Amino acid sequence: SFTTTLTGIHVGGNAIGAEPTANNNGTVIDNCSFSKSKFGIADVGVSLANQATGHVITRNFFPSPTTTGTNRSGMILKFHDGIQVTENQMGDNP
């Protein structure tokens, strides 16, 4: 349910939104569907001075919160250099 699942995929520190001690470079999140969570993807690099690189988020589906989708935010992205976010669908209509 929306109240028990915080995020679909978390890349980062030991808590949602927390910076990791080392970057997770080269992460690819492709062709996923996120439902019944507060956030779809939370992807966080180490810091402004030490940003994550090579991340790709593409062809994912984030349904509307009125159906079964994410009810706060599709993505939280922080401290990235050159992240590619392409061809994602937010909401129920293509």
C-alpha atoms as a PDB file:
ATOM      1  CA  SER A   1       0.000   0.000   0.000  1.00  0.00           C
ATOM      2  CA  PHE A   2       1.000   3.661  -0.296  1.00  0.00           C
ATOM      3  CA  THR A   3       1.544   3.819   3.446  1.00  0.00           C
ATOM      4  CA  THR A   4       3.996   0.909   3.682  1.00  0.00           C
ATOM      5  CA  THR A   5       6.192   1.153   0.547  1.00  0.00           C
ATOM      6  CA  LEU A   6       8.394   4.235   0.538  1.00  0.00           C
ATOM      7  CA  THR A   7      10.251   3.798  -2.764  1.00  0.00           C
ATOM      8  CA  GLY A   8      10.379   1.368  -5.672  1.00  0.00           C
ATOM      9  CA  ILE A   9      14.147   1.625  -6.351  1.00  0.00           C
ATOM     10  CA  HIS A  10      16.667   3.367  -4.110  1.00  0.00           C
ATOM     11  CA  VAL A  11      20.263   4.047  -5.207  1.00  0.00           C
ATOM     12  CA  GLY A  12      22.260   5.884  -2.551  1.00  0.00           C
ATOM     13  CA  GLY A  13      22.998   5.812   1.159  1.00  0.00           C
ATOM     14  CA  ASN A  14      21.564   3.653   3.920  1.00  0.00           C
ATOM     15  CA  ALA A  15      18.351   5.720   4.094  1.00  0.00           C
ATOM     16  CA  ILE A  16      16.116   7.128   1.361  1.00  0.00           C
ATOM     17  CA  GLY A  17      17.582  10.429   0.163  1.00  0.00           C
ATOM     18  CA  ALA A  18      20.789   9.981   2.186  1.00  0.00           C
ATOM     19  CA  GLU A  19      24.100  10.399   0.426  1.00  0.00           C
ATOM     20  CA  PRO A  20      26.187   7.208   0.059  1.00  0.00           C
ATOM     21  CA  THR A  21      29.825   7.031   1.187  1.00  0.00           C
ATOM     22  CA  ALA A  22      30.853   6.125  -2.412  1.00  0.00           C
ATOM     23  CA  ASN A  23      29.062   6.742  -5.707  1.00  0.00           C
ATOM     24  CA  ASN A  24      27.121   4.013  -7.469  1.00  0.00           C
ATOM     25  CA  ASN A  25      28.255   4.963 -10.980  1.00  0.00           C
ATOM     26  CA  GLY A  26      26.745   3.495 -14.145  1.00  0.00           C
ATOM     27  CA  THR A  27      23.308   2.575 -12.771  1.00  0.00           C
ATOM     28  CA  VAL A  28      20.684   1.798 -15.439  1.00  0.00           C
ATOM     29  CA  ILE A  29      16.965   1.674 -14.568  1.00  0.00           C
ATOM     30  CA  ASP A  30      15.122   0.549 -17.705  1.00  0.00           C
ATOM     31  CA  ASN A  31      11.554  -0.576 -18.446  1.00  0.00           C
ATOM     32  CA  CYS A  32      10.167  -0.691 -14.893  1.00  0.00           C
ATOM     33  CA  SER A  33       6.654   0.047 -13.656  1.00  0.00           C
ATOM     34  CA  PHE A  34       6.265   1.689 -10.253  1.00  0.00           C
ATOM     35  CA  SER A  35       3.065   1.296  -8.288  1.00  0.00           C
ATOM     36  CA  LYS A  36       1.749   1.713  -4.763  1.00  0.00           C
ATOM     37  CA  SER A  37       4.725   3.610  -3.394  1.00  0.00           C
ATOM     38  CA  LYS A  38       5.365   7.148  -2.220  1.00  0.00           C
ATOM     39  CA  PHE A  39       8.341   7.572  -4.607  1.00  0.00           C
ATOM     40  CA  GLY A  40       9.235   5.621  -7.754  1.00  0.00           C
ATOM     41  CA  ILE A  41      13.006   6.155  -7.883  1.00  0.00           C
ATOM     42  CA  ALA A  42      15.351   7.799  -5.367  1.00  0.00           C
ATOM     43  CA  ASP A  43      18.866   8.098  -6.844  1.00  0.00           C
ATOM     44  CA  VAL A  44      21.454  10.083  -4.875  1.00  0.00           C
ATOM     45  CA  GLY A  45      25.177  10.698  -5.442  1.00  0.00           C
ATOM     46  CA  VAL A  46      27.742  11.531  -2.755  1.00  0.00           C
ATOM     47  CA  SER A  47      27.924  15.337  -2.965  1.00  0.00           C
ATOM     48  CA  LEU A  48      28.036  18.340  -5.276  1.00  0.00           C
ATOM     49  CA  ALA A  49      31.839  18.034  -5.379  1.00  0.00           C
ATOM     50  CA  ASN A  50      31.728  14.221  -5.929  1.00  0.00           C
ATOM     51  CA  GLN A  51      28.766  13.534  -8.211  1.00  0.00           C
ATOM     52  CA  ALA A  52      27.604  10.168  -9.556  1.00  0.00           C
ATOM     53  CA  THR A  53      28.105   9.596 -13.306  1.00  0.00           C
ATOM     54  CA  GLY A  54      26.756   7.356 -16.038  1.00  0.00           C
ATOM     55  CA  HIS A  55      23.214   6.920 -14.733  1.00  0.00           C
ATOM     56  CA  VAL A  56      20.401   6.188 -17.213  1.00  0.00           C
ATOM     57  CA  ILE A  57      16.691   6.195 -16.332  1.00  0.00           C
ATOM     58  CA  THR A  58      14.633   5.278 -19.385  1.00  0.00           C
ATOM     59  CA  ARG A  59      11.318   3.780 -20.552  1.00  0.00           C
ATOM     60  CA  ASN A  60       9.776   3.528 -17.075  1.00  0.00           C
ATOM     61  CA  PHE A  61       6.115   3.919 -16.155  1.00  0.00           C
ATOM     62  CA  PHE A  62       4.850   5.888 -13.162  1.00  0.00           C
ATOM     63  CA  PRO A  63       1.032   5.488 -13.003  1.00  0.00           C
ATOM     64  CA  SER A  64      -1.212   8.233 -11.669  1.00  0.00           C
ATOM     65  CA  PRO A  65      -1.707   8.215  -7.883  1.00  0.00           C
ATOM     66  CA  THR A  66      -5.466   8.019  -8.465  1.00  0.00           C
ATOM     67  CA  THR A  67      -4.995   4.454  -9.738  1.00  0.00           C
ATOM     68  CA  THR A  68      -2.059   2.465  -8.360  1.00  0.00           C
ATOM     69  CA  GLY A  69       0.859   4.823  -8.972  1.00  0.00           C
ATOM     70  CA  THR A  70       3.376   6.785  -6.957  1.00  0.00           C
ATOM     71  CA  ASN A  71       1.643   9.314  -4.751  1.00  0.00           C
ATOM     72  CA  ARG A  72       4.413  11.824  -3.951  1.00  0.00           C
ATOM     73  CA  SER A  73       7.036  11.924  -6.681  1.00  0.00           C
ATOM     74  CA  GLY A  74       8.096   9.819  -9.641  1.00  0.00           C
ATOM     75  CA  MET A  75      11.804  10.515  -9.154  1.00  0.00           C
ATOM     76  CA  ILE A  76      14.157  12.130  -6.671  1.00  0.00           C
ATOM     77  CA  LEU A  77      17.551  12.750  -8.308  1.00  0.00           C
ATOM     78  CA  LYS A  78      20.405  14.450  -6.452  1.00  0.00           C
ATOM     79  CA  PHE A  79      24.148  14.974  -7.079  1.00  0.00           C
ATOM     80  CA  HIS A  80      24.502  13.641 -10.656  1.00  0.00           C
ATOM     81  CA  ASP A  81      26.679  14.699 -13.571  1.00  0.00           C
ATOM     82  CA  GLY A  82      25.309  13.821 -17.010  1.00  0.00           C
ATOM     83  CA  ILE A  83      22.340  11.715 -15.904  1.00  0.00           C
ATOM     84  CA  GLN A  84      20.094  10.678 -18.812  1.00  0.00           C
ATOM     85  CA  VAL A  85      16.349  10.645 -18.133  1.00  0.00           C
ATOM     86  CA  THR A  86      14.453   9.708 -21.325  1.00  0.00           C
ATOM     87  CA  GLU A  87      11.168   8.223 -22.541  1.00  0.00           C
ATOM     88  CA  ASN A  88       9.542   7.847 -19.107  1.00  0.00           C
ATOM     89  CA  GLN A  89       5.765   8.032 -18.760  1.00  0.00           C
ATOM     90  CA  MET A  90       4.256   9.936 -15.844  1.00  0.00           C
ATOM     91  CA  GLY A  91       0.531   9.344 -15.367  1.00  0.00           C
ATOM     92  CA  ASP A  92      -1.893   6.990 -17.040  1.00  0.00           C
ATOM     93  CA  ASN A  93      -2.183   8.554 -20.510  1.00  0.00           C
ATOM     94  CA  PRO A  94       0.575   7.853 -23.060  1.00  0.00           C
END
